[in-house]
Amino acid sequence: MDYTDTPLHMKEILFVKVNHCSDADIAERFRISKVFGVSIIDYDGAAVLLECTQTENRNDDLIALLKKSLQTGWRL
């Protein structure tokens, strides 16, 4: 079979664990997950585990947002 002219839809799977979260940080991660269509697959009192199956660019955008919010203490 020749797949040369078949459109290709590539997705990545990304797991992000954020440790040392306050209650406000966890609430923020839930808001981010709704905006980005990310699944929160596990959380407890101090950590959140996110699963994202998006395109490479969308995953990179999520990583950049998480880095920015964690480094500056910025809230959505």
Protein backbone atom coordinates (compact mmCIF):
# COMPACT_ATOMS: atom_id res chain seq x y z
CA MET A 1 0.00 0.00 0.00
CA ASP A 2 1.18 3.48 -0.80
CA TYR A 3 0.56 6.10 1.91
CA THR A 4 2.36 8.94 0.14
CA ASP A 5 -0.72 11.11 -0.38
CA THR A 6 -2.43 10.20 2.88
CA PRO A 7 -2.63 13.08 5.37
CA LEU A 8 -0.81 12.39 8.61
CA HIS A 9 -2.04 13.56 12.01
CA MET A 10 0.73 13.26 14.55
CA LYS A 11 0.20 13.56 18.29
CA GLU A 12 2.56 13.30 21.23
CA ILE A 13 1.85 12.02 24.68
CA LEU A 14 3.22 14.20 27.46
CA PHE A 15 3.22 13.53 31.20
CA VAL A 16 3.99 16.42 33.55
CA LYS A 17 4.28 16.04 37.31
CA VAL A 18 4.20 19.22 39.36
CA ASN A 19 5.37 18.76 42.96
CA HIS A 20 5.11 20.97 46.05
CA CYS A 21 1.71 22.45 45.13
CA SER A 22 -0.46 24.48 47.42
CA ASP A 23 -4.25 24.23 47.17
CA ALA A 24 -4.23 27.34 44.96
CA ASP A 25 -1.58 25.77 42.68
CA ILE A 26 -3.65 22.61 42.30
CA ALA A 27 -6.74 24.68 41.45
CA GLU A 28 -4.67 26.56 38.86
CA ARG A 29 -3.53 23.27 37.26
CA PHE A 30 -7.18 22.21 36.98
CA ARG A 31 -7.98 25.49 35.18
CA ILE A 32 -5.03 25.02 32.83
CA SER A 33 -6.16 21.45 32.13
CA LYS A 34 -9.59 22.68 31.03
CA VAL A 35 -8.12 25.28 28.67
CA PHE A 36 -5.61 22.90 27.08
CA GLY A 37 -7.79 19.78 27.07
CA VAL A 38 -5.37 18.02 29.42
CA SER A 39 -6.30 15.13 31.69
CA ILE A 40 -5.34 15.21 35.34
CA ILE A 41 -4.66 11.55 35.98
CA ASP A 42 -3.51 11.83 39.59
CA TYR A 43 -3.28 14.41 42.33
CA ASP A 44 -2.87 14.56 46.08
CA GLY A 45 -2.27 17.30 48.61
CA ALA A 46 1.08 18.31 47.16
CA ALA A 47 1.41 17.07 43.55
CA VAL A 48 -0.47 16.94 40.25
CA LEU A 49 0.16 14.57 37.32
CA LEU A 50 -1.03 15.86 33.94
CA GLU A 51 -1.43 13.82 30.74
CA CYS A 52 -1.57 15.67 27.44
CA THR A 53 -2.01 14.03 24.03
CA GLN A 54 -1.77 16.97 21.66
CA THR A 55 0.41 18.08 18.79
CA GLU A 56 4.04 18.93 19.46
CA ASN A 57 3.36 22.68 19.30
CA ARG A 58 0.39 22.46 21.66
CA ASN A 59 2.44 20.41 24.17
CA ASP A 60 5.27 22.95 23.92
CA ASP A 61 2.78 25.75 24.64
CA LEU A 62 1.59 23.90 27.74
CA ILE A 63 5.17 23.40 28.97
CA ALA A 64 5.93 27.10 28.44
CA LEU A 65 2.81 28.15 30.35
CA LEU A 66 3.59 25.80 33.23
CA LYS A 67 7.19 27.03 33.42
CA LYS A 68 6.05 30.65 33.41
CA SER A 69 3.44 30.10 36.09
CA LEU A 70 5.84 28.13 38.31
CA GLN A 71 8.79 30.52 38.00
CA THR A 72 6.86 33.74 38.58
CA GLY A 73 4.08 32.52 40.83
CA TRP A 74 1.67 33.87 38.21
CA ARG A 75 -1.97 32.92 38.59
CA LEU A 76 -4.55 32.52 35.82
